[in-house]
Structure formats: structure tokens, C-alpha cells
């Protein structure tokens, strides 16, 4: 009998394999990390992703 170890694979449609690099100062990174923590986000990356996607969605609705 084979024992499975580790997490199950992420479904293809949910995989995140693209990166967006944003250069920050130490102070900017600390400010964003604190804001993400205060918002209850699981990670800074999750918090930033959610904010950017919300902003993009709003921008699409208001463009002429």
C-alpha cells in the first residue's frame, strides 16, 4: 500500500505561476506588511493581490 504525503496538487485553474515584482524601500515594505496584518490577511502577497484585483475591476467598470 502506497502512502500519500504532502498536500494534494492545486487544480490547474487555481495555480498562480506569474510574478509581479515591485521594488520597495524597507519602510514601504514594513508599512504594507503592517496594513496586511491589520486587515487580517494571510500574507502580504494575498492582501496586495486582492487590492490590485479590486482596483483593476473598478477601473474596468469606469472606463469609457
PDB file of N, CA and C in Angstrom:
ATOM      1  N   UNK A   1       0.847  -1.181   0.000  1.00  0.00           N
ATOM      2  CA  UNK A   1       0.000   0.000   0.000  1.00  0.00           C
ATOM      3  C   UNK A   1       0.891   1.244   0.000  1.00  0.00           C
ATOM      4  N   UNK A   2       0.595   2.179  -0.925  1.00  0.00           N
ATOM      5  CA  UNK A   2       1.389   3.402  -1.039  1.00  0.00           C
ATOM      6  C   UNK A   2       0.770   4.499  -0.170  1.00  0.00           C
ATOM      7  N   UNK A   3       1.616   5.166   0.614  1.00  0.00           N
ATOM      8  CA  UNK A   3       1.153   6.247   1.478  1.00  0.00           C
ATOM      9  C   UNK A   3       1.406   7.578   0.779  1.00  0.00           C
ATOM     10  N   UNK A   4       0.341   8.372   0.632  1.00  0.00           N
ATOM     11  CA  UNK A   4       0.479   9.680   0.012  1.00  0.00           C
ATOM     12  C   UNK A   4       0.983  10.672   1.054  1.00  0.00           C
ATOM     13  N   UNK A   5       1.902  11.519   0.647  1.00  0.00           N
ATOM     14  CA  UNK A   5       2.455  12.515   1.561  1.00  0.00           C
ATOM     15  C   UNK A   5       2.332  13.896   0.927  1.00  0.00           C
ATOM     16  N   UNK A   6       2.254  14.909   1.761  1.00  0.00           N
ATOM     17  CA  UNK A   6       2.206  16.279   1.270  1.00  0.00           C
ATOM     18  C   UNK A   6       0.798  16.700   0.899  1.00  0.00           C
ATOM     19  N   UNK A   7       0.734  17.933   0.413  1.00  0.00           N
ATOM     20  CA  UNK A   7      -0.559  18.470   0.010  1.00  0.00           C
ATOM     21  C   UNK A   7      -0.968  17.910  -1.338  1.00  0.00           C
ATOM     22  N   UNK A   8      -2.278  17.837  -1.566  1.00  0.00           N
ATOM     23  CA  UNK A   8      -2.726  17.446  -2.905  1.00  0.00           C
ATOM     24  C   UNK A   8      -2.390  18.565  -3.894  1.00  0.00           C
ATOM     25  N   UNK A   9      -2.242  18.244  -5.169  1.00  0.00           N
ATOM     26  CA  UNK A   9      -1.907  19.272  -6.151  1.00  0.00           C
ATOM     27  C   UNK A   9      -3.009  20.322  -6.268  1.00  0.00           C
ATOM     28  N   UNK A  10      -2.606  21.553  -6.556  1.00  0.00           N
ATOM     29  CA  UNK A  10      -3.559  22.646  -6.768  1.00  0.00           C
ATOM     30  C   UNK A  10      -4.185  22.450  -8.146  1.00  0.00           C
ATOM     31  N   UNK A  11      -5.512  22.615  -8.236  1.00  0.00           N
ATOM     32  CA  UNK A  11      -6.146  22.491  -9.559  1.00  0.00           C
ATOM     33  C   UNK A  11      -5.539  23.499 -10.540  1.00  0.00           C
ATOM     34  N   UNK A  12      -5.433  23.113 -11.789  1.00  0.00           N
ATOM     35  CA  UNK A  12      -4.777  23.932 -12.805  1.00  0.00           C
ATOM     36  C   UNK A  12      -5.333  25.342 -12.858  1.00  0.00           C
ATOM     37  N   UNK A  13      -6.642  25.497 -12.777  1.00  0.00           N
ATOM     38  CA  UNK A  13      -7.246  26.825 -12.911  1.00  0.00           C
ATOM     39  C   UNK A  13      -6.979  27.728 -11.694  1.00  0.00           C
ATOM     40  N   UNK A  14      -6.451  27.171 -10.618  1.00  0.00           N
ATOM     41  CA  UNK A  14      -6.141  27.966  -9.429  1.00  0.00           C
ATOM     42  C   UNK A  14      -4.641  28.207  -9.240  1.00  0.00           C
ATOM     43  N   UNK A  15      -3.824  27.634 -10.108  1.00  0.00           N
ATOM     44  CA  UNK A  15      -2.374  27.785  -9.969  1.00  0.00           C
ATOM     45  C   UNK A  15      -1.959  29.224 -10.230  1.00  0.00           C
ATOM     46  N   UNK A  16      -1.068  29.695  -9.395  1.00  0.00           N
ATOM     47  CA  UNK A  16      -0.511  31.038  -9.564  1.00  0.00           C
ATOM     48  C   UNK A  16       0.968  30.871  -9.878  1.00  0.00           C
ATOM     49  N   UNK A  17       1.311  31.091 -11.126  1.00  0.00           N
ATOM     50  CA  UNK A  17       2.709  30.893 -11.509  1.00  0.00           C
ATOM     51  C   UNK A  17       3.319  32.138 -12.157  1.00  0.00           C
ATOM     52  N   UNK A  18       2.608  33.256 -12.119  1.00  0.00           N
ATOM     53  CA  UNK A  18       3.122  34.510 -12.651  1.00  0.00           C
ATOM     54  C   UNK A  18       3.556  35.395 -11.483  1.00  0.00           C
ATOM     55  N   UNK A  19       4.585  36.196 -11.718  1.00  0.00           N
ATOM     56  CA  UNK A  19       5.092  37.083 -10.672  1.00  0.00           C
ATOM     57  C   UNK A  19       5.043  38.524 -11.144  1.00  0.00           C
ATOM     58  N   UNK A  20       4.760  39.412 -10.215  1.00  0.00           N
ATOM     59  CA  UNK A  20       4.826  40.843 -10.447  1.00  0.00           C
ATOM     60  C   UNK A  20       5.806  41.382  -9.416  1.00  0.00           C
ATOM     61  N   UNK A  21       6.917  41.878  -9.887  1.00  0.00           N
ATOM     62  CA  UNK A  21       7.946  42.373  -8.977  1.00  0.00           C
ATOM     63  C   UNK A  21       7.755  43.866  -8.788  1.00  0.00           C
ATOM     64  N   UNK A  22       7.649  44.287  -7.547  1.00  0.00           N
ATOM     65  CA  UNK A  22       7.511  45.693  -7.202  1.00  0.00           C
ATOM     66  C   UNK A  22       8.642  46.038  -6.249  1.00  0.00           C
ATOM     67  N   UNK A  23       9.460  46.988  -6.648  1.00  0.00           N
ATOM     68  CA  UNK A  23      10.582  47.399  -5.817  1.00  0.00           C
ATOM     69  C   UNK A  23      10.088  48.341  -4.719  1.00  0.00           C
ATOM     70  N   UNK A  24      10.456  48.042  -3.477  1.00  0.00           N
ATOM     71  CA  UNK A  24      10.030  48.830  -2.324  1.00  0.00           C
ATOM     72  C   UNK A  24      11.219  49.170  -1.449  1.00  0.00           C
ATOM     73  N   UNK A  25      11.083  50.249  -0.714  1.00  0.00           N
ATOM     74  CA  UNK A  25      12.067  50.535   0.320  1.00  0.00           C
ATOM     75  C   UNK A  25      11.714  49.688   1.530  1.00  0.00           C
ATOM     76  N   UNK A  26      12.612  49.595   2.483  1.00  0.00           N
ATOM     77  CA  UNK A  26      12.313  48.858   3.719  1.00  0.00           C
ATOM     78  C   UNK A  26      11.090  49.452   4.407  1.00  0.00           C
ATOM     79  N   UNK A  27      11.013  50.782   4.441  1.00  0.00           N
ATOM     80  CA  UNK A  27       9.893  51.447   5.100  1.00  0.00           C
ATOM     81  C   UNK A  27       8.572  51.149   4.394  1.00  0.00           C
ATOM     82  N   UNK A  28       8.571  51.187   3.075  1.00  0.00           N
ATOM     83  CA  UNK A  28       7.358  50.868   2.323  1.00  0.00           C
ATOM     84  C   UNK A  28       6.916  49.432   2.577  1.00  0.00           C
ATOM     85  N   UNK A  29       7.863  48.506   2.595  1.00  0.00           N
ATOM     86  CA  UNK A  29       7.537  47.107   2.844  1.00  0.00           C
ATOM     87  C   UNK A  29       6.955  46.914   4.246  1.00  0.00           C
ATOM     88  N   UNK A  30       7.558  47.568   5.222  1.00  0.00           N
ATOM     89  CA  UNK A  30       7.047  47.482   6.599  1.00  0.00           C
ATOM     90  C   UNK A  30       5.639  48.057   6.695  1.00  0.00           C
ATOM     91  N   UNK A  31       5.387  49.183   6.027  1.00  0.00           N
ATOM     92  CA  UNK A  31       4.070  49.812   6.036  1.00  0.00           C
ATOM     93  C   UNK A  31       3.017  48.884   5.431  1.00  0.00           C
ATOM     94  N   UNK A  32       3.341  48.279   4.294  1.00  0.00           N
ATOM     95  CA  UNK A  32       2.401  47.361   3.645  1.00  0.00           C
ATOM     96  C   UNK A  32       2.195  46.095   4.469  1.00  0.00           C
ATOM     97  N   UNK A  33       3.256  45.561   5.041  1.00  0.00           N
ATOM     98  CA  UNK A  33       3.143  44.349   5.854  1.00  0.00           C
ATOM     99  C   UNK A  33       2.247  44.601   7.061  1.00  0.00           C
ATOM    100  N   UNK A  34       2.385  45.771   7.694  1.00  0.00           N
ATOM    101  CA  UNK A  34       1.544  46.103   8.846  1.00  0.00           C
ATOM    102  C   UNK A  34       0.087  46.255   8.418  1.00  0.00           C
ATOM    103  N   UNK A  35      -0.137  46.909   7.296  1.00  0.00           N
ATOM    104  CA  UNK A  35      -1.506  47.084   6.805  1.00  0.00           C
ATOM    105  C   UNK A  35      -2.150  45.730   6.502  1.00  0.00           C
ATOM    106  N   UNK A  36      -1.390  44.832   5.894  1.00  0.00           N
ATOM    107  CA  UNK A  36      -1.917  43.496   5.581  1.00  0.00           C
ATOM    108  C   UNK A  36      -2.251  42.746   6.863  1.00  0.00           C
ATOM    109  N   UNK A  37      -1.365  42.831   7.850  1.00  0.00           N
ATOM    110  CA  UNK A  37      -1.599  42.151   9.125  1.00  0.00           C
ATOM    111  C   UNK A  37      -2.833  42.739   9.812  1.00  0.00           C
ATOM    112  N   UNK A  38      -2.937  44.066   9.827  1.00  0.00           N
ATOM    113  CA  UNK A  38      -4.080  44.732  10.455  1.00  0.00           C
ATOM    114  C   UNK A  38      -5.393  44.381   9.768  1.00  0.00           C
ATOM    115  N   UNK A  39      -5.328  44.109   8.463  1.00  0.00           N
ATOM    116  CA  UNK A  39      -6.514  43.726   7.698  1.00  0.00           C
ATOM    117  C   UNK A  39      -6.863  42.253   7.882  1.00  0.00           C
ATOM    118  N   UNK A  40      -5.993  41.513   8.574  1.00  0.00           N
ATOM    119  CA  UNK A  40      -6.253  40.096   8.816  1.00  0.00           C
ATOM    120  C   UNK A  40      -5.901  39.203   7.640  1.00  0.00           C
ATOM    121  N   UNK A  41      -5.080  39.706   6.722  1.00  0.00           N
ATOM    122  CA  UNK A  41      -4.698  38.911   5.548  1.00  0.00           C
ATOM    123  C   UNK A  41      -3.767  37.781   5.951  1.00  0.00           C
ATOM    124  N   UNK A  42      -3.853  36.691   5.219  1.00  0.00           N
ATOM    125  CA  UNK A  42      -2.985  35.535   5.479  1.00  0.00           C
ATOM    126  C   UNK A  42      -1.528  35.865   5.178  1.00  0.00           C
ATOM    127  N   UNK A  43      -1.316  36.756   4.194  1.00  0.00           N
ATOM    128  CA  UNK A  43       0.043  37.153   3.829  1.00  0.00           C
ATOM    129  C   UNK A  43       0.000  38.509   3.152  1.00  0.00           C
ATOM    130  N   UNK A  44       1.137  39.147   3.083  1.00  0.00           N
ATOM    131  CA  UNK A  44       1.241  40.417   2.364  1.00  0.00           C
ATOM    132  C   UNK A  44       0.878  40.206   0.899  1.00  0.00           C
ATOM    133  N   UNK A  45       1.348  39.136   0.322  1.00  0.00           N
ATOM    134  CA  UNK A  45       1.061  38.835  -1.075  1.00  0.00           C
ATOM    135  C   UNK A  45      -0.440  38.707  -1.325  1.00  0.00           C
ATOM    136  N   UNK A  46      -1.143  37.981  -0.455  1.00  0.00           N
ATOM    137  CA  UNK A  46      -2.592  37.823  -0.604  1.00  0.00           C
ATOM    138  C   UNK A  46      -3.294  39.170  -0.521  1.00  0.00           C
ATOM    139  N   UNK A  47      -2.879  40.004   0.433  1.00  0.00           N
ATOM    140  CA  UNK A  47      -3.510  41.304   0.635  1.00  0.00           C
ATOM    141  C   UNK A  47      -3.294  42.207  -0.568  1.00  0.00           C
ATOM    142  N   UNK A  48      -2.063  42.272  -1.055  1.00  0.00           N
ATOM    143  CA  UNK A  48      -1.753  43.116  -2.212  1.00  0.00           C
ATOM    144  C   UNK A  48      -2.502  42.611  -3.438  1.00  0.00           C
ATOM    145  N   UNK A  49      -2.512  41.293  -3.663  1.00  0.00           N
ATOM    146  CA  UNK A  49      -3.215  40.715  -4.813  1.00  0.00           C
ATOM    147  C   UNK A  49      -4.679  41.116  -4.793  1.00  0.00           C
ATOM    148  N   UNK A  50      -5.321  40.977  -3.635  1.00  0.00           N
ATOM    149  CA  UNK A  50      -6.745  41.301  -3.518  1.00  0.00           C
ATOM    150  C   UNK A  50      -7.002  42.778  -3.809  1.00  0.00           C
ATOM    151  N   UNK A  51      -6.172  43.665  -3.253  1.00  0.00           N
ATOM    152  CA  UNK A  51      -6.341  45.101  -3.505  1.00  0.00           C
ATOM    153  C   UNK A  51      -6.161  45.442  -4.984  1.00  0.00           C
ATOM    154  N   UNK A  52      -5.147  44.869  -5.602  1.00  0.00           N
ATOM    155  CA  UNK A  52      -4.899  45.152  -7.013  1.00  0.00           C
ATOM    156  C   UNK A  52      -6.022  44.628  -7.905  1.00  0.00           C
ATOM    157  N   UNK A  53      -6.522  43.452  -7.606  1.00  0.00           N
ATOM    158  CA  UNK A  53      -7.615  42.899  -8.410  1.00  0.00           C
ATOM    159  C   UNK A  53      -8.890  43.715  -8.237  1.00  0.00           C
ATOM    160  N   UNK A  54      -9.166  44.173  -7.014  1.00  0.00           N
ATOM    161  CA  UNK A  54     -10.338  45.035  -6.782  1.00  0.00           C
ATOM    162  C   UNK A  54     -10.198  46.345  -7.555  1.00  0.00           C
ATOM    163  N   UNK A  55      -9.015  46.959  -7.504  1.00  0.00           N
ATOM    164  CA  UNK A  55      -8.766  48.215  -8.212  1.00  0.00           C
ATOM    165  C   UNK A  55      -8.914  48.023  -9.726  1.00  0.00           C
ATOM    166  N   UNK A  56      -8.398  46.922 -10.233  1.00  0.00           N
ATOM    167  CA  UNK A  56      -8.497  46.644 -11.665  1.00  0.00           C
ATOM    168  C   UNK A  56      -9.955  46.451 -12.078  1.00  0.00           C
ATOM    169  N   UNK A  57     -10.719  45.759 -11.264  1.00  0.00           N
ATOM    170  CA  UNK A  57     -12.134  45.527 -11.570  1.00  0.00           C
ATOM    171  C   UNK A  57     -12.910  46.847 -11.564  1.00  0.00           C
ATOM    172  N   UNK A  58     -12.622  47.713 -10.611  1.00  0.00           N
ATOM    173  CA  UNK A  58     -13.287  49.027 -10.551  1.00  0.00           C
ATOM    174  C   UNK A  58     -12.883  49.861 -11.753  1.00  0.00           C
ATOM    175  N   UNK A  59     -11.620  49.800 -12.127  1.00  0.00           N
ATOM    176  CA  UNK A  59     -11.132  50.562 -13.273  1.00  0.00           C
ATOM    177  C   UNK A  59     -11.774  50.151 -14.576  1.00  0.00           C
ATOM    178  N   UNK A  60     -12.054  48.881 -14.699  1.00  0.00           N
ATOM    179  CA  UNK A  60     -12.672  48.365 -15.930  1.00  0.00           C
ATOM    180  C   UNK A  60     -14.108  48.860 -16.056  1.00  0.00           C
ATOM    181  N   UNK A  61     -14.782  48.983 -14.905  1.00  0.00           N
ATOM    182  CA  UNK A  61     -16.189  49.424 -14.935  1.00  0.00           C
ATOM    183  C   UNK A  61     -16.349  50.895 -15.199  1.00  0.00           C
ATOM    184  N   UNK A  62     -15.298  51.696 -14.967  1.00  0.00           N
ATOM    185  CA  UNK A  62     -15.450  53.136 -15.140  1.00  0.00           C
ATOM    186  C   UNK A  62     -14.792  53.667 -16.392  1.00  0.00           C
ATOM    187  N   UNK A  63     -14.176  52.788 -17.183  1.00  0.00           N
ATOM    188  CA  UNK A  63     -13.513  53.268 -18.399  1.00  0.00           C
ATOM    189  C   UNK A  63     -14.537  53.536 -19.489  1.00  0.00           C
ATOM    190  N   UNK A  64     -14.218  54.516 -20.341  1.00  0.00           N
ATOM    191  CA  UNK A  64     -15.160  54.899 -21.404  1.00  0.00           C
ATOM    192  C   UNK A  64     -14.930  54.105 -22.673  1.00  0.00           C
TER     193      UNK A  64
END
